[in-house]
């Protein structure tokens, strides 16, 4: 009986700590309406907002909602995405950001009636890659893994089997902002729900290799 009580207490402690982690994050371009409920962030995405720099379209925008915390070193971040996408280019996902000229955003983007795993990599200028999904799932998991000078992007339908869609460069040994991003470049906004957001630090790969070679 004591073990059951102890397990229950630990379980609720972990749940509370997870909820507090969302509460301790901060906004860049805070939307007018949002809430944290049951360890999920729910926001009404700001209309006509986006992140993009220069290339192809010739303009720069940096005004979409981004809810983040600061991290250093190597890590894995993931989140469950559920969106009521309406207009073309409605999108939501994860962002890793150094500054306004250097960032990676990745997640689900609604384009011409289809759902895509979309990634924009920006180093002074932005590029854009998409993987069109064969079906329109009720939700998608997105995972990013930062290792040394690169970020790997994955998606999953069930948080078990992950498919890699991109490997992109990002400055090494640089603290970054990591968090939840959504945008509605051509639309009037939509409701975006982010669940089970987590960031897990990974062992320093360079240090591990150095130690192995100098034993």
N, C-alpha and C. Protein backbone atom coordinates (compact mmCIF):
# COMPACT_ATOMS: atom_id res chain seq x y z
N UNK A 1 0.83 -1.20 0.00
CA UNK A 1 0.00 0.00 0.00
C UNK A 1 0.87 1.26 0.00
N UNK A 2 1.96 1.21 0.82
CA UNK A 2 2.86 2.36 0.88
C UNK A 2 3.50 2.62 -0.48
N UNK A 3 3.85 1.53 -1.19
CA UNK A 3 4.46 1.69 -2.51
C UNK A 3 3.50 2.36 -3.49
N UNK A 4 2.23 1.97 -3.39
CA UNK A 4 1.23 2.57 -4.28
C UNK A 4 1.08 4.06 -4.00
N UNK A 5 1.04 4.42 -2.72
CA UNK A 5 0.93 5.82 -2.33
C UNK A 5 2.15 6.60 -2.80
N UNK A 6 3.35 6.02 -2.63
CA UNK A 6 4.59 6.68 -3.04
C UNK A 6 4.62 6.87 -4.55
N UNK A 7 4.24 5.81 -5.28
CA UNK A 7 4.21 5.90 -6.74
C UNK A 7 3.26 7.00 -7.20
N UNK A 8 2.08 7.05 -6.59
CA UNK A 8 1.09 8.06 -6.95
C UNK A 8 1.61 9.46 -6.70
N UNK A 9 2.28 9.64 -5.56
CA UNK A 9 2.83 10.96 -5.21
C UNK A 9 3.90 11.38 -6.21
N UNK A 10 4.78 10.44 -6.56
CA UNK A 10 5.84 10.74 -7.53
C UNK A 10 5.25 11.07 -8.89
N UNK A 11 4.21 10.29 -9.29
CA UNK A 11 3.57 10.52 -10.59
C UNK A 11 3.01 11.93 -10.68
N UNK A 12 2.27 12.35 -9.66
CA UNK A 12 1.67 13.68 -9.69
C UNK A 12 2.73 14.77 -9.60
N UNK A 13 3.85 14.50 -8.89
CA UNK A 13 4.94 15.46 -8.82
C UNK A 13 5.53 15.69 -10.21
N UNK A 14 5.75 14.58 -10.94
CA UNK A 14 6.30 14.68 -12.29
C UNK A 14 5.35 15.44 -13.20
N UNK A 15 4.05 15.14 -13.08
CA UNK A 15 3.05 15.82 -13.90
C UNK A 15 3.07 17.32 -13.62
N UNK A 16 3.18 17.70 -12.36
CA UNK A 16 3.18 19.10 -12.00
C UNK A 16 4.43 19.81 -12.51
N UNK A 17 5.57 19.12 -12.40
CA UNK A 17 6.81 19.71 -12.90
C UNK A 17 6.72 19.95 -14.40
N UNK A 18 6.10 19.00 -15.13
CA UNK A 18 5.94 19.16 -16.57
C UNK A 18 5.07 20.37 -16.88
N UNK A 19 3.99 20.52 -16.13
CA UNK A 19 3.11 21.66 -16.35
C UNK A 19 3.83 22.97 -16.05
N UNK A 20 4.63 22.98 -15.00
CA UNK A 20 5.37 24.19 -14.62
C UNK A 20 6.37 24.58 -15.69
N UNK A 21 6.91 23.61 -16.42
CA UNK A 21 7.89 23.94 -17.44
C UNK A 21 7.26 24.81 -18.52
N UNK A 22 6.00 24.56 -18.88
CA UNK A 22 5.31 25.42 -19.84
C UNK A 22 5.08 26.80 -19.24
N UNK A 23 4.71 26.85 -17.98
CA UNK A 23 4.44 28.13 -17.33
C UNK A 23 5.68 29.01 -17.22
N UNK A 24 6.85 28.41 -17.22
CA UNK A 24 8.09 29.17 -17.06
C UNK A 24 8.65 29.67 -18.38
N UNK A 25 8.04 29.30 -19.49
CA UNK A 25 8.51 29.75 -20.80
C UNK A 25 8.05 31.19 -21.06
N UNK A 26 8.54 31.78 -22.14
CA UNK A 26 8.21 33.18 -22.41
C UNK A 26 7.84 33.38 -23.88
N UNK A 27 7.18 34.50 -24.12
CA UNK A 27 6.66 34.78 -25.45
C UNK A 27 7.57 35.69 -26.26
N UNK A 28 7.66 35.40 -27.54
CA UNK A 28 8.11 36.33 -28.55
C UNK A 28 6.93 36.49 -29.49
N UNK A 29 6.40 37.69 -29.61
CA UNK A 29 5.18 37.95 -30.38
C UNK A 29 3.98 37.22 -29.76
N UNK A 30 3.64 37.58 -28.55
CA UNK A 30 2.54 36.94 -27.83
C UNK A 30 1.21 37.15 -28.56
N UNK A 31 0.43 36.06 -28.78
CA UNK A 31 -0.88 36.21 -29.43
C UNK A 31 -1.89 36.82 -28.46
N UNK A 32 -3.00 37.30 -28.99
CA UNK A 32 -4.00 37.95 -28.14
C UNK A 32 -4.67 36.95 -27.20
N UNK A 33 -4.86 35.72 -27.66
CA UNK A 33 -5.58 34.74 -26.84
C UNK A 33 -4.81 33.43 -26.78
N UNK A 34 -4.54 32.98 -25.56
CA UNK A 34 -3.86 31.70 -25.36
C UNK A 34 -4.08 31.24 -23.93
N UNK A 35 -3.86 29.93 -23.70
CA UNK A 35 -3.96 29.38 -22.36
C UNK A 35 -3.12 28.12 -22.25
N UNK A 36 -2.73 27.79 -21.02
CA UNK A 36 -2.07 26.53 -20.72
C UNK A 36 -3.04 25.70 -19.90
N UNK A 37 -3.37 24.51 -20.42
CA UNK A 37 -4.38 23.67 -19.77
C UNK A 37 -3.98 22.21 -19.93
N UNK A 38 -3.93 21.48 -18.81
CA UNK A 38 -3.59 20.05 -18.83
C UNK A 38 -2.27 19.79 -19.56
N UNK A 39 -1.28 20.60 -19.24
CA UNK A 39 0.06 20.46 -19.83
C UNK A 39 0.04 20.64 -21.35
N UNK A 40 -0.85 21.49 -21.83
CA UNK A 40 -0.92 21.80 -23.26
C UNK A 40 -1.02 23.31 -23.44
N UNK A 41 -0.38 23.81 -24.49
CA UNK A 41 -0.52 25.21 -24.87
C UNK A 41 -1.53 25.29 -26.01
N UNK A 42 -2.56 26.10 -25.81
CA UNK A 42 -3.57 26.32 -26.84
C UNK A 42 -3.58 27.81 -27.18
N UNK A 43 -3.42 28.12 -28.45
CA UNK A 43 -3.39 29.53 -28.84
C UNK A 43 -4.26 29.77 -30.06
N UNK A 44 -4.77 31.00 -30.16
CA UNK A 44 -5.37 31.49 -31.39
C UNK A 44 -4.26 32.20 -32.16
N UNK A 45 -3.83 31.61 -33.25
CA UNK A 45 -2.66 32.10 -33.97
C UNK A 45 -2.95 33.47 -34.58
N UNK A 46 -1.99 34.35 -34.46
CA UNK A 46 -2.13 35.71 -34.98
C UNK A 46 -2.30 35.71 -36.49
N UNK A 47 -3.27 36.48 -36.97
CA UNK A 47 -3.52 36.57 -38.41
C UNK A 47 -2.36 37.24 -39.13
N UNK A 48 -2.13 36.82 -40.37
CA UNK A 48 -1.11 37.43 -41.25
C UNK A 48 0.25 37.52 -40.58
N UNK A 49 0.66 36.41 -39.93
CA UNK A 49 1.96 36.38 -39.25
C UNK A 49 2.81 35.25 -39.81
N UNK A 50 4.15 35.41 -39.74
CA UNK A 50 5.03 34.38 -40.29
C UNK A 50 6.47 34.65 -39.88
N UNK A 51 7.35 33.69 -40.25
CA UNK A 51 8.81 33.85 -40.16
C UNK A 51 9.38 33.54 -41.54
N UNK A 52 10.08 34.50 -42.13
CA UNK A 52 10.70 34.30 -43.44
C UNK A 52 11.70 35.43 -43.68
N UNK A 53 12.78 35.12 -44.43
CA UNK A 53 13.76 36.15 -44.76
C UNK A 53 14.13 36.12 -46.25
N UNK A 54 13.72 37.12 -46.96
CA UNK A 54 14.26 37.57 -48.24
C UNK A 54 14.02 36.64 -49.43
N UNK A 55 14.59 35.43 -49.44
CA UNK A 55 14.70 34.64 -50.66
C UNK A 55 13.35 34.32 -51.30
N UNK A 56 13.32 34.31 -52.60
CA UNK A 56 12.18 33.96 -53.45
C UNK A 56 11.06 35.01 -53.40
N UNK A 57 10.62 35.37 -52.18
CA UNK A 57 9.50 36.30 -52.06
C UNK A 57 9.94 37.75 -51.93
N UNK A 58 11.20 37.98 -51.54
CA UNK A 58 11.73 39.33 -51.48
C UNK A 58 11.31 40.14 -50.27
N UNK A 59 10.75 39.51 -49.24
CA UNK A 59 10.37 40.25 -48.02
C UNK A 59 10.86 39.50 -46.79
N UNK A 60 10.85 40.20 -45.67
CA UNK A 60 11.24 39.62 -44.38
C UNK A 60 10.14 39.86 -43.38
N UNK A 61 9.69 38.78 -42.72
CA UNK A 61 8.70 38.89 -41.64
C UNK A 61 9.20 38.08 -40.45
N UNK A 62 8.90 38.57 -39.26
CA UNK A 62 9.40 37.96 -38.03
C UNK A 62 8.40 38.22 -36.90
N UNK A 63 7.12 37.93 -37.17
CA UNK A 63 6.09 38.42 -36.25
C UNK A 63 5.09 37.35 -35.80
N UNK A 64 5.36 36.07 -36.01
CA UNK A 64 4.43 35.02 -35.58
C UNK A 64 4.65 34.65 -34.12
N UNK A 65 3.65 34.09 -33.44
CA UNK A 65 3.79 33.69 -32.04
C UNK A 65 4.85 32.60 -31.87
N UNK A 66 5.66 32.75 -30.83
CA UNK A 66 6.72 31.79 -30.51
C UNK A 66 6.87 31.75 -29.00
N UNK A 67 6.63 30.59 -28.41
CA UNK A 67 6.66 30.40 -26.95
C UNK A 67 7.87 29.52 -26.64
N UNK A 68 8.85 30.05 -25.92
CA UNK A 68 10.15 29.39 -25.88
C UNK A 68 10.84 29.44 -24.52
N UNK A 69 11.91 28.63 -24.43
CA UNK A 69 12.86 28.68 -23.33
C UNK A 69 14.26 28.57 -23.94
N UNK A 70 15.27 28.91 -23.17
CA UNK A 70 16.65 28.92 -23.66
C UNK A 70 17.36 27.62 -23.28
N UNK A 71 18.11 27.08 -24.24
CA UNK A 71 18.85 25.84 -24.02
C UNK A 71 20.23 25.93 -24.67
N UNK A 72 21.18 25.21 -24.08
CA UNK A 72 22.50 25.08 -24.67
C UNK A 72 22.82 23.62 -24.90
N UNK A 73 23.93 23.36 -25.58
CA UNK A 73 24.37 22.00 -25.77
C UNK A 73 23.50 21.23 -26.75
N UNK A 74 23.56 19.92 -26.62
CA UNK A 74 22.84 19.02 -27.53
C UNK A 74 21.57 18.52 -26.85
N UNK A 75 20.50 18.38 -27.63
CA UNK A 75 19.21 18.04 -27.03
C UNK A 75 18.27 17.43 -28.05
N UNK A 76 17.21 16.83 -27.53
CA UNK A 76 16.09 16.34 -28.33
C UNK A 76 14.83 17.06 -27.85
N UNK A 77 14.09 17.65 -28.75
CA UNK A 77 12.82 18.29 -28.41
C UNK A 77 11.72 17.68 -29.25
N UNK A 78 10.54 17.49 -28.64
CA UNK A 78 9.42 16.96 -29.42
C UNK A 78 8.10 17.47 -28.86
N UNK A 79 7.06 17.38 -29.69
CA UNK A 79 5.75 17.88 -29.30
C UNK A 79 4.68 17.23 -30.17
N UNK A 80 3.49 17.14 -29.62
CA UNK A 80 2.32 16.64 -30.36
C UNK A 80 1.52 17.84 -30.86
N UNK A 81 1.20 17.86 -32.16
CA UNK A 81 0.55 19.00 -32.79
C UNK A 81 -0.87 18.65 -33.24
N UNK A 82 -1.83 19.50 -32.86
CA UNK A 82 -3.20 19.38 -33.35
C UNK A 82 -3.65 20.77 -33.77
N UNK A 83 -4.01 20.93 -35.04
CA UNK A 83 -4.38 22.26 -35.52
C UNK A 83 -5.67 22.26 -36.32
N UNK A 84 -6.42 23.32 -36.17
CA UNK A 84 -7.64 23.52 -36.96
C UNK A 84 -7.26 24.40 -38.16
N UNK A 85 -6.43 23.85 -39.05
CA UNK A 85 -5.90 24.60 -40.18
C UNK A 85 -7.03 25.03 -41.12
N UNK A 86 -6.96 26.27 -41.59
CA UNK A 86 -8.03 26.81 -42.43
C UNK A 86 -7.49 27.34 -43.75
N UNK A 87 -6.56 28.27 -43.67
CA UNK A 87 -6.06 28.96 -44.87
C UNK A 87 -4.75 28.35 -45.36
N UNK A 88 -4.43 28.61 -46.61
CA UNK A 88 -3.16 28.17 -47.18
C UNK A 88 -1.99 28.74 -46.37
N UNK A 89 -1.03 27.90 -46.08
CA UNK A 89 0.18 28.21 -45.31
C UNK A 89 -0.04 28.27 -43.80
N UNK A 90 -1.26 27.96 -43.31
CA UNK A 90 -1.42 27.82 -41.86
C UNK A 90 -0.45 26.73 -41.38
N UNK A 91 0.26 26.99 -40.29
CA UNK A 91 1.35 26.10 -39.87
C UNK A 91 1.56 26.16 -38.36
N UNK A 92 2.12 25.07 -37.82
CA UNK A 92 2.49 25.04 -36.41
C UNK A 92 3.58 24.00 -36.21
N UNK A 93 4.42 24.21 -35.19
CA UNK A 93 5.48 23.25 -34.95
C UNK A 93 6.50 23.74 -33.95
N UNK A 94 7.73 23.26 -34.11
CA UNK A 94 8.85 23.62 -33.25
C UNK A 94 9.73 24.65 -33.95
N UNK A 95 10.35 25.51 -33.14
CA UNK A 95 11.34 26.42 -33.67
C UNK A 95 12.59 26.38 -32.79
N UNK A 96 13.75 26.36 -33.46
CA UNK A 96 15.05 26.55 -32.80
C UNK A 96 15.61 27.84 -33.36
N UNK A 97 15.90 28.79 -32.49
CA UNK A 97 16.22 30.15 -32.95
C UNK A 97 17.45 30.70 -32.23
N UNK A 98 18.39 31.18 -33.04
CA UNK A 98 19.54 31.91 -32.49
C UNK A 98 19.20 33.39 -32.45
N UNK A 99 18.76 33.93 -33.57
CA UNK A 99 18.33 35.33 -33.68
C UNK A 99 17.46 35.45 -34.92
N UNK A 100 17.14 36.70 -35.31
CA UNK A 100 16.22 36.90 -36.43
C UNK A 100 16.80 36.47 -37.77
N UNK A 101 18.11 36.23 -37.84
CA UNK A 101 18.74 35.81 -39.09
C UNK A 101 19.11 34.33 -39.12
N UNK A 102 18.95 33.65 -37.99
CA UNK A 102 19.37 32.25 -37.89
C UNK A 102 18.35 31.45 -37.08
N UNK A 103 17.57 30.63 -37.77
CA UNK A 103 16.57 29.81 -37.08
C UNK A 103 16.13 28.66 -37.97
N UNK A 104 15.54 27.66 -37.33
CA UNK A 104 14.90 26.54 -38.03
C UNK A 104 13.50 26.39 -37.46
N UNK A 105 12.50 26.37 -38.32
CA UNK A 105 11.13 26.08 -37.88
C UNK A 105 10.64 24.88 -38.66
N UNK A 106 9.94 23.98 -37.98
CA UNK A 106 9.48 22.76 -38.63
C UNK A 106 8.20 22.26 -37.99
N UNK A 107 7.33 21.69 -38.80
CA UNK A 107 6.07 21.18 -38.27
C UNK A 107 5.11 20.86 -39.40
N UNK A 108 3.82 21.02 -39.13
CA UNK A 108 2.78 20.76 -40.12
C UNK A 108 2.39 22.07 -40.80
N UNK A 109 2.28 22.04 -42.12
CA UNK A 109 1.84 23.21 -42.87
C UNK A 109 0.77 22.78 -43.88
N UNK A 110 -0.30 23.54 -43.92
CA UNK A 110 -1.45 23.26 -44.78
C UNK A 110 -1.28 24.05 -46.08
N UNK A 111 -1.06 23.35 -47.20
CA UNK A 111 -0.80 24.02 -48.47
C UNK A 111 -1.67 23.42 -49.56
N UNK A 112 -2.52 24.25 -50.15
CA UNK A 112 -3.38 23.83 -51.27
C UNK A 112 -4.16 22.55 -50.96
N UNK A 113 -4.73 22.51 -49.76
CA UNK A 113 -5.58 21.40 -49.37
C UNK A 113 -4.85 20.17 -48.89
N UNK A 114 -3.53 20.21 -48.83
CA UNK A 114 -2.75 19.05 -48.40
C UNK A 114 -1.94 19.38 -47.14
N UNK A 115 -1.68 18.33 -46.35
CA UNK A 115 -0.88 18.48 -45.14
C UNK A 115 0.56 18.08 -45.44
N UNK A 116 1.48 18.92 -45.01
CA UNK A 116 2.89 18.70 -45.28
C UNK A 116 3.71 18.79 -44.00
N UNK A 117 4.79 18.00 -43.94
CA UNK A 117 5.83 18.26 -42.95
C UNK A 117 6.74 19.30 -43.58
N UNK A 118 6.75 20.47 -43.00
CA UNK A 118 7.41 21.63 -43.60
C UNK A 118 8.57 22.09 -42.73
N UNK A 119 9.69 22.41 -43.36
CA UNK A 119 10.85 22.91 -42.63
C UNK A 119 11.42 24.13 -43.35
N UNK A 120 11.60 25.21 -42.61
CA UNK A 120 12.27 26.40 -43.12
C UNK A 120 13.57 26.57 -42.35
N UNK A 121 14.67 26.61 -43.09
CA UNK A 121 15.99 26.82 -42.50
C UNK A 121 16.48 28.20 -42.93
N UNK A 122 16.80 29.04 -41.96
CA UNK A 122 17.19 30.42 -42.26
C UNK A 122 18.58 30.70 -41.73
N UNK A 123 19.49 31.04 -42.63
CA UNK A 123 20.80 31.58 -42.29
C UNK A 123 20.98 32.79 -43.20
N UNK A 124 20.56 33.92 -42.70
CA UNK A 124 20.46 35.18 -43.43
C UNK A 124 19.32 35.15 -44.44
N UNK A 125 19.24 34.10 -45.27
CA UNK A 125 18.11 33.91 -46.16
C UNK A 125 17.43 32.58 -45.87
N UNK A 126 16.14 32.49 -46.16
CA UNK A 126 15.37 31.29 -45.84
C UNK A 126 15.29 30.33 -47.02
N UNK A 127 15.26 29.02 -46.70
CA UNK A 127 14.86 28.02 -47.69
C UNK A 127 13.66 27.26 -47.14
N UNK A 128 13.03 26.47 -48.00
CA UNK A 128 11.78 25.80 -47.59
C UNK A 128 11.74 24.42 -48.22
N UNK A 129 11.52 23.39 -47.41
CA UNK A 129 11.36 22.02 -47.92
C UNK A 129 10.08 21.43 -47.34
N UNK A 130 9.41 20.59 -48.14
CA UNK A 130 8.14 19.98 -47.70
C UNK A 130 8.11 18.50 -48.04
N UNK A 131 7.46 17.74 -47.16
CA UNK A 131 7.15 16.34 -47.41
C UNK A 131 5.64 16.20 -47.28
N UNK A 132 4.97 15.91 -48.38
CA UNK A 132 3.51 15.83 -48.38
C UNK A 132 3.06 14.52 -47.74
N UNK A 133 2.11 14.62 -46.82
CA UNK A 133 1.58 13.45 -46.14
C UNK A 133 0.50 12.78 -46.99
N UNK A 134 0.47 11.46 -46.94
CA UNK A 134 -0.51 10.72 -47.73
C UNK A 134 -1.92 10.81 -47.15
N UNK A 135 -2.01 11.09 -45.86
CA UNK A 135 -3.31 11.19 -45.22
C UNK A 135 -3.35 12.41 -44.31
N UNK A 136 -4.54 12.80 -43.91
CA UNK A 136 -4.70 13.95 -43.02
C UNK A 136 -4.96 13.43 -41.61
N UNK A 137 -3.91 13.24 -40.82
CA UNK A 137 -4.08 12.66 -39.49
C UNK A 137 -4.68 13.66 -38.51
N UNK A 138 -5.29 13.18 -37.43
CA UNK A 138 -5.85 14.09 -36.43
C UNK A 138 -4.77 14.86 -35.68
N UNK A 139 -3.57 14.28 -35.62
CA UNK A 139 -2.44 14.96 -34.97
C UNK A 139 -1.14 14.38 -35.52
N UNK A 140 -0.04 15.10 -35.27
CA UNK A 140 1.29 14.68 -35.70
C UNK A 140 2.28 14.98 -34.58
N UNK A 141 3.25 14.10 -34.41
CA UNK A 141 4.38 14.36 -33.52
C UNK A 141 5.56 14.88 -34.35
N UNK A 142 6.20 15.93 -33.86
CA UNK A 142 7.42 16.46 -34.48
C UNK A 142 8.56 16.37 -33.48
N UNK A 143 9.72 15.93 -33.96
CA UNK A 143 10.91 15.82 -33.10
C UNK A 143 12.11 16.43 -33.81
N UNK A 144 12.91 17.17 -33.06
CA UNK A 144 14.18 17.69 -33.58
C UNK A 144 15.30 17.25 -32.65
N UNK A 145 16.43 16.91 -33.23
CA UNK A 145 17.59 16.48 -32.47
C UNK A 145 18.77 17.36 -32.87
N UNK A 146 19.29 18.10 -31.91
CA UNK A 146 20.46 18.95 -32.18
C UNK A 146 21.72 18.18 -31.78
N UNK A 147 22.61 17.98 -32.76
CA UNK A 147 23.89 17.33 -32.53
C UNK A 147 24.99 18.17 -33.17
N UNK A 148 25.95 18.63 -32.35
CA UNK A 148 27.07 19.43 -32.84
C UNK A 148 26.56 20.59 -33.69
N UNK A 149 26.88 20.62 -35.00
CA UNK A 149 26.52 21.76 -35.84
C UNK A 149 25.33 21.47 -36.75
N UNK A 150 24.47 20.54 -36.35
CA UNK A 150 23.34 20.17 -37.21
C UNK A 150 22.10 19.85 -36.39
N UNK A 151 20.95 19.93 -37.05
CA UNK A 151 19.66 19.58 -36.46
C UNK A 151 18.97 18.59 -37.39
N UNK A 152 18.53 17.46 -36.84
CA UNK A 152 17.76 16.47 -37.58
C UNK A 152 16.28 16.65 -37.26
N UNK A 153 15.44 16.54 -38.29
CA UNK A 153 14.00 16.74 -38.15
C UNK A 153 13.28 15.43 -38.44
N UNK A 154 12.33 15.07 -37.56
CA UNK A 154 11.58 13.83 -37.70
C UNK A 154 10.09 14.11 -37.47
N UNK A 155 9.23 13.21 -38.03
CA UNK A 155 7.82 13.26 -37.67
C UNK A 155 7.32 11.84 -37.40
N UNK A 156 6.18 11.75 -36.69
CA UNK A 156 5.61 10.46 -36.35
C UNK A 156 4.10 10.59 -36.22
N UNK A 157 3.40 9.51 -36.54
CA UNK A 157 1.95 9.47 -36.33
C UNK A 157 1.59 8.96 -34.94
N UNK A 158 2.55 8.31 -34.25
CA UNK A 158 2.22 7.64 -32.99
C UNK A 158 3.24 7.84 -31.87
N UNK A 159 4.25 8.67 -32.06
CA UNK A 159 5.32 8.88 -31.08
C UNK A 159 6.14 7.61 -30.84
N UNK A 160 6.10 6.69 -31.81
CA UNK A 160 6.89 5.46 -31.70
C UNK A 160 7.83 5.32 -32.91
N UNK A 161 7.24 5.32 -34.09
CA UNK A 161 8.02 5.21 -35.32
C UNK A 161 8.20 6.61 -35.90
N UNK A 162 9.46 7.07 -35.97
CA UNK A 162 9.76 8.40 -36.48
C UNK A 162 10.44 8.32 -37.85
N UNK A 163 10.06 9.22 -38.73
CA UNK A 163 10.61 9.30 -40.07
C UNK A 163 11.40 10.60 -40.20
N UNK A 164 12.65 10.51 -40.65
CA UNK A 164 13.49 11.69 -40.79
C UNK A 164 13.20 12.39 -42.11
N UNK A 165 13.08 13.72 -42.07
CA UNK A 165 12.79 14.48 -43.28
C UNK A 165 13.87 15.50 -43.63
N UNK A 166 14.75 15.82 -42.69
CA UNK A 166 15.71 16.90 -42.96
C UNK A 166 16.89 16.81 -42.00
N UNK A 167 18.08 17.14 -42.51
CA UNK A 167 19.27 17.39 -41.70
C UNK A 167 19.78 18.75 -42.12
N UNK A 168 19.80 19.71 -41.19
CA UNK A 168 20.12 21.09 -41.54
C UNK A 168 21.19 21.65 -40.61
N UNK A 169 22.03 22.55 -41.10
CA UNK A 169 23.08 23.14 -40.27
C UNK A 169 22.53 24.16 -39.28
N UNK A 170 23.18 24.24 -38.12
CA UNK A 170 22.89 25.26 -37.11
C UNK A 170 24.18 25.52 -36.34
N UNK A 171 24.39 26.76 -35.97
CA UNK A 171 25.63 27.14 -35.30
C UNK A 171 25.93 26.24 -34.10
N UNK A 172 27.15 25.76 -34.04
CA UNK A 172 27.60 24.92 -32.95
C UNK A 172 27.96 25.77 -31.74
N UNK A 173 27.89 25.17 -30.55
CA UNK A 173 28.29 25.85 -29.31
C UNK A 173 27.61 27.20 -29.13
N UNK A 174 26.35 27.28 -29.47
CA UNK A 174 25.60 28.53 -29.37
C UNK A 174 24.30 28.28 -28.64
N UNK A 175 24.01 29.03 -27.57
CA UNK A 175 22.70 28.89 -26.90
C UNK A 175 21.58 29.23 -27.88
N UNK A 176 20.46 28.54 -27.75
CA UNK A 176 19.34 28.76 -28.66
C UNK A 176 18.04 28.86 -27.89
N UNK A 177 17.06 29.47 -28.53
CA UNK A 177 15.68 29.48 -28.04
C UNK A 177 14.97 28.27 -28.66
N UNK A 178 14.29 27.50 -27.85
CA UNK A 178 13.59 26.31 -28.32
C UNK A 178 12.14 26.40 -27.86
N UNK A 179 11.21 26.18 -28.78
CA UNK A 179 9.83 26.25 -28.34
C UNK A 179 8.82 26.02 -29.44
N UNK A 180 7.62 26.57 -29.22
CA UNK A 180 6.41 26.26 -29.98
C UNK A 180 6.03 27.46 -30.83
N UNK A 181 5.90 27.23 -32.13
CA UNK A 181 5.66 28.30 -33.09
C UNK A 181 4.43 27.98 -33.92
N UNK A 182 3.67 29.01 -34.26
CA UNK A 182 2.56 28.85 -35.20
C UNK A 182 2.41 30.14 -35.99
N UNK A 183 1.94 30.00 -37.23
CA UNK A 183 1.82 31.17 -38.10
C UNK A 183 0.65 30.99 -39.05
N UNK A 184 0.14 32.13 -39.53
CA UNK A 184 -0.98 32.13 -40.49
C UNK A 184 -0.73 33.25 -41.50
N UNK A 185 0.24 33.04 -42.42
CA UNK A 185 0.66 34.11 -43.32
C UNK A 185 -0.45 34.70 -44.17
N UNK A 186 -1.31 33.84 -44.72
CA UNK A 186 -2.37 34.30 -45.62
C UNK A 186 -3.74 34.28 -44.98
N UNK A 187 -3.81 33.84 -43.72
CA UNK A 187 -5.11 33.63 -43.11
C UNK A 187 -5.44 34.57 -41.97
N UNK A 188 -6.59 34.32 -41.36
CA UNK A 188 -7.06 35.13 -40.24
C UNK A 188 -6.77 34.46 -38.90
N UNK A 189 -5.88 33.43 -38.93
CA UNK A 189 -5.55 32.72 -37.71
C UNK A 189 -6.35 31.43 -37.57
N UNK A 190 -5.92 30.59 -36.64
CA UNK A 190 -6.60 29.32 -36.38
C UNK A 190 -6.21 28.86 -34.98
N UNK A 191 -6.90 27.85 -34.47
CA UNK A 191 -6.57 27.33 -33.14
C UNK A 191 -5.50 26.25 -33.25
N UNK A 192 -4.44 26.40 -32.50
CA UNK A 192 -3.32 25.46 -32.49
C UNK A 192 -3.12 24.92 -31.08
N UNK A 193 -2.99 23.60 -30.98
CA UNK A 193 -2.82 22.96 -29.68
C UNK A 193 -1.51 22.17 -29.67
N UNK A 194 -0.66 22.47 -28.68
CA UNK A 194 0.63 21.80 -28.51
C UNK A 194 0.58 20.98 -27.22
N UNK A 195 0.80 19.68 -27.32
CA UNK A 195 0.74 18.81 -26.15
C UNK A 195 2.07 18.08 -25.95
N UNK A 196 2.33 17.77 -24.67
CA UNK A 196 3.47 16.92 -24.30
C UNK A 196 4.80 17.45 -24.82
N UNK A 197 4.97 18.75 -24.79
CA UNK A 197 6.24 19.35 -25.21
C UNK A 197 7.33 18.96 -24.21
N UNK A 198 8.46 18.50 -24.73
CA UNK A 198 9.58 18.13 -23.85
C UNK A 198 10.89 18.43 -24.54
N UNK A 199 11.89 18.75 -23.72
CA UNK A 199 13.26 18.93 -24.20
C UNK A 199 14.16 18.09 -23.32
N UNK A 200 14.90 17.18 -23.92
CA UNK A 200 15.78 16.27 -23.19
C UNK A 200 17.22 16.53 -23.60
N UNK A 201 18.05 16.87 -22.62
CA UNK A 201 19.47 17.08 -22.92
C UNK A 201 20.13 15.75 -23.28
N UNK A 202 21.03 15.81 -24.26
CA UNK A 202 21.77 14.63 -24.70
C UNK A 202 23.23 14.75 -24.28
N UNK A 203 23.91 13.62 -24.06
CA UNK A 203 25.33 13.66 -23.72
C UNK A 203 26.12 14.40 -24.80
N UNK A 204 27.08 15.19 -24.40
CA UNK A 204 27.89 15.95 -25.34
C UNK A 204 28.71 15.01 -26.22
N UNK A 205 28.39 14.96 -27.50
CA UNK A 205 29.02 14.00 -28.40
C UNK A 205 30.51 14.26 -28.57
N UNK A 206 30.89 15.52 -28.69
CA UNK A 206 32.31 15.84 -28.88
C UNK A 206 33.13 15.46 -27.65
N UNK A 207 32.58 15.75 -26.47
CA UNK A 207 33.29 15.41 -25.23
C UNK A 207 33.41 13.90 -25.07
N UNK A 208 32.34 13.17 -25.41
CA UNK A 208 32.37 11.72 -25.29
C UNK A 208 33.43 11.12 -26.21
N UNK A 209 33.54 11.64 -27.42
CA UNK A 209 34.55 11.14 -28.35
C UNK A 209 35.96 11.47 -27.87
N UNK A 210 36.12 12.68 -27.31
CA UNK A 210 37.45 13.07 -26.80
C UNK A 210 37.87 12.17 -25.67
N UNK A 211 36.95 11.89 -24.73
CA UNK A 211 37.25 11.03 -23.60
C UNK A 211 37.61 9.62 -24.06
N UNK A 212 36.88 9.16 -25.07
CA UNK A 212 37.13 7.81 -25.59
C UNK A 212 38.53 7.72 -26.20
N UNK A 213 38.97 8.76 -26.86
CA UNK A 213 40.27 8.75 -27.53
C UNK A 213 41.44 9.07 -26.60
N UNK A 214 41.12 9.52 -25.36
CA UNK A 214 42.20 9.92 -24.45
C UNK A 214 42.16 9.12 -23.14
N UNK A 215 41.61 7.94 -23.19
CA UNK A 215 41.60 7.09 -22.01
C UNK A 215 42.97 6.45 -21.78
